[in-house]
Protein backbone atom coordinates (compact mmCIF):
# COMPACT_ATOMS: atom_id res chain seq x y z
CA MET A 1 -7.04 -48.07 93.08
CA TYR A 2 -7.00 -43.78 92.67
CA GLN A 3 -3.45 -43.87 93.82
CA LYS A 4 -2.21 -46.54 90.99
CA LEU A 5 -4.17 -44.09 88.44
CA ALA A 6 -2.49 -40.88 89.91
CA LYS A 7 0.97 -42.66 89.95
CA ILE A 8 0.48 -43.30 86.22
CA VAL A 9 -0.74 -40.16 85.52
CA ALA A 10 2.06 -38.57 87.29
CA PHE A 11 4.60 -40.80 85.47
CA LEU A 12 3.30 -40.15 81.88
CA ALA A 13 3.31 -36.47 82.69
CA LEU A 14 6.81 -36.68 83.66
CA ILE A 15 7.58 -38.72 80.56
CA GLY A 16 5.80 -35.70 78.51
CA CYS A 17 7.60 -33.30 80.08
CA SER A 18 11.16 -34.70 79.50
CA CYS A 19 10.70 -35.59 75.90
CA ALA A 20 12.19 -32.78 73.94
CA ALA A 21 10.29 -30.30 71.68
CA ILE A 22 9.88 -30.53 67.98
CA CYS A 23 11.08 -27.47 65.90
CA THR A 24 9.33 -26.13 62.97
CA GLY A 25 10.76 -23.76 60.59
CA PRO A 26 14.12 -23.70 61.85
CA SER A 27 16.33 -20.43 61.60
CA VAL A 28 20.14 -20.91 62.06
CA LYS A 29 22.92 -18.22 62.71
CA SER A 30 26.48 -19.87 63.20
CA THR A 31 30.24 -19.24 63.84
CA SER A 32 32.84 -21.60 63.53
CA PHE A 33 36.51 -22.09 64.82
CA THR A 34 39.15 -24.58 63.44
CA THR A 35 42.82 -25.47 64.10
CA THR A 36 45.11 -23.26 62.02
CA ASP A 37 48.66 -24.36 63.62
CA GLY A 38 49.37 -27.65 62.32
CA LYS A 39 53.09 -27.73 63.63
CA ILE A 40 52.24 -28.91 67.10
CA VAL A 41 49.09 -30.90 66.63
CA SER A 42 48.11 -34.39 64.96
CA GLN A 43 44.45 -33.49 64.56
CA VAL A 44 42.65 -30.69 63.23
CA ALA A 45 39.55 -29.62 65.66
CA PHE A 46 36.35 -28.26 64.02
CA ILE A 47 33.99 -26.15 66.06
CA GLY A 48 30.63 -24.98 65.07
CA GLU A 49 28.70 -22.76 67.43
CA PHE A 50 25.05 -21.88 66.72
CA THR A 51 21.75 -20.20 67.63
CA LEU A 52 18.70 -22.30 66.50
CA LYS A 53 15.45 -20.22 66.59
CA CYS A 54 12.26 -22.13 65.65
CA SER A 55 8.96 -20.43 64.33
CA ASN A 56 7.10 -22.73 66.97
CA ASN A 57 9.41 -21.14 69.69
CA ALA A 58 10.48 -24.49 70.72
CA GLU A 59 13.26 -24.82 73.08
CA LYS A 60 15.63 -27.63 74.64
CA VAL A 61 15.50 -29.25 71.07
CA ALA A 62 17.71 -32.48 70.99
CA LEU A 63 19.72 -32.31 67.84
CA PHE A 64 22.30 -34.75 66.37
CA ALA A 65 24.84 -33.87 63.56
CA GLU A 66 26.02 -35.87 60.50
CA VAL A 67 29.49 -34.84 59.11
CA ASP A 68 30.94 -36.99 56.32
CA GLY A 69 28.86 -39.81 57.16
CA LYS A 70 29.71 -39.81 61.09
CA VAL A 71 26.60 -38.74 63.45
CA THR A 72 27.32 -37.34 66.88
CA PRO A 73 25.23 -35.27 69.28
CA VAL A 74 24.71 -31.49 69.46
CA VAL A 75 25.81 -30.18 72.71
CA ARG A 76 23.26 -27.61 74.05
CA VAL A 77 25.24 -24.89 75.95
CA GLY A 78 22.61 -22.13 76.55
CA ASP A 79 19.20 -21.20 75.72
CA ASN A 80 18.76 -22.23 72.14
CA GLN A 81 22.55 -22.04 71.59
CA TYR A 82 24.18 -25.48 70.61
CA GLN A 83 27.98 -26.54 69.68
CA ILE A 84 28.94 -29.18 67.46
CA SER A 85 32.71 -30.19 67.56
CA TRP A 86 34.71 -32.98 66.01
CA SER A 87 38.31 -33.71 64.89
CA GLU A 88 40.02 -35.14 61.69
CA ASP A 89 43.49 -36.46 60.95
CA LEU A 90 46.18 -33.52 59.86
CA LYS A 91 46.67 -35.02 56.65
CA LYS A 92 43.00 -35.69 55.86
CA ALA A 93 41.40 -32.34 56.92
CA SER A 94 40.74 -30.24 53.75
CA SER A 95 40.49 -26.64 53.73
CA GLY A 96 37.17 -25.18 52.52
CA ASP A 97 33.60 -25.38 53.93
CA HIS A 98 32.20 -28.80 55.79
CA ASN A 99 28.73 -29.40 55.58
CA VAL A 100 26.81 -30.26 58.75
CA ASN A 101 23.39 -31.83 58.62
CA LEU A 102 21.40 -31.26 61.75
CA TYR A 103 18.74 -33.89 62.70
CA ASP A 104 16.32 -33.45 65.38
CA GLU A 105 15.21 -37.04 66.98
CA GLU A 106 12.80 -37.78 64.14
CA GLY A 107 15.15 -37.39 61.92
CA TYR A 108 17.81 -39.05 63.67
CA ALA A 109 15.72 -42.12 63.86
CA ALA A 110 15.01 -42.00 59.95
CA TYR A 111 18.56 -41.47 59.20
CA ARG A 112 19.64 -44.55 61.68
CA LYS A 113 16.72 -46.55 60.04
CA ALA A 114 18.04 -46.03 56.61
CA GLN A 115 21.85 -46.74 57.58
CA ARG A 116 20.35 -50.11 59.22
CA SER A 117 18.28 -50.93 56.08
CA GLY A 118 20.87 -50.27 53.57
CA GLU A 119 19.38 -47.38 51.94
CA SER A 120 20.77 -43.97 51.06
CA THR A 121 20.93 -41.95 54.04
CA SER A 122 20.76 -38.72 51.59
CA SER A 123 16.99 -39.28 51.04
CA VAL A 124 16.36 -38.29 54.89
CA LYS A 125 15.70 -34.70 55.08
CA PRO A 126 17.71 -33.02 57.84
CA LEU A 127 16.19 -30.15 59.89
CA THR A 128 18.55 -27.91 58.69
CA LYS A 129 22.34 -27.38 57.63
CA LEU A 130 25.21 -25.45 58.83
CA SER A 131 28.54 -24.83 57.26
CA VAL A 132 32.12 -24.86 59.18
CA TYR A 133 34.70 -23.30 57.09
CA HIS A 134 38.34 -24.27 57.67
CA SER A 135 40.68 -21.82 56.20
CA GLY A 136 43.59 -24.67 56.00
CA THR A 137 46.23 -25.29 58.25
CA TYR A 138 49.81 -24.00 58.53
CA LYS A 139 52.29 -26.88 58.65
CA GLY A 140 55.51 -24.98 58.37
CA ALA A 141 57.38 -23.25 55.76
CA TRP A 142 58.22 -25.21 52.61
CA ILE A 143 62.11 -25.14 53.44
CA LYS A 144 63.43 -25.23 56.91
CA SER A 145 65.16 -22.21 58.33
CA GLU A 146 68.12 -24.49 58.96
CA LEU A 147 68.62 -25.67 55.58
CA LEU A 148 68.26 -22.29 53.86
CA ALA A 149 71.02 -21.04 56.13
CA THR A 150 73.13 -23.75 55.04
CA ILE A 151 72.51 -23.02 51.46
CA LEU A 152 73.24 -19.53 51.92
CA ILE A 153 76.31 -19.89 53.65
CA THR A 154 77.65 -22.53 51.15
CA GLY A 155 76.69 -20.09 48.37
CA ALA A 156 78.59 -17.00 50.19
CA ALA A 157 81.58 -19.50 50.90
CA TYR A 158 81.89 -20.56 47.20
CA VAL A 159 81.77 -16.83 45.93
CA ALA A 160 84.15 -15.80 48.57
CA PHE A 161 86.63 -18.60 47.87
CA SER A 162 86.34 -17.89 43.78
CA THR A 163 86.78 -14.45 44.00
CA ARG A 164 89.91 -14.86 46.55
CA ASN A 165 91.42 -17.46 43.77
CA LYS A 166 90.81 -14.84 40.96
CA LEU A 167 92.71 -12.02 42.92
CA ILE A 168 95.57 -14.57 43.72
CA SER A 169 96.00 -15.85 40.14
């Protein structure tokens, strides 16, 4: 009898320890990186790294991120350090700030519930927000160098032949 009770208590303790902490009063410090050379890639990568500090000193907080209606898990890369990454098609990626809403497990559950019931997800308050800045993607010069060289050579040849014809006549 006591063995079963001990097993149940141990099991419940294990479940309690494995649950992620709840963060109150979050403070975020972030940096971001994006793909800037679009000549050799078809997708633009966005990476946001951030440190999350909670007023209740919660650690190992499970987080989810929502970017443009898409939800993805946030990866914990160290003590209170997290990373979010996603990619967009080169033609659809816009420059400027991309807002990322961060949700803890409770917020994510409320977000999913709103999605399933067809309600607006904007009513669900995120734990915190961060911004990933994209300066834009270089897609190459407006005029290819080969075309510019051809135009210049054609112009130089025209001037040379025009001048020659004027000198001969």
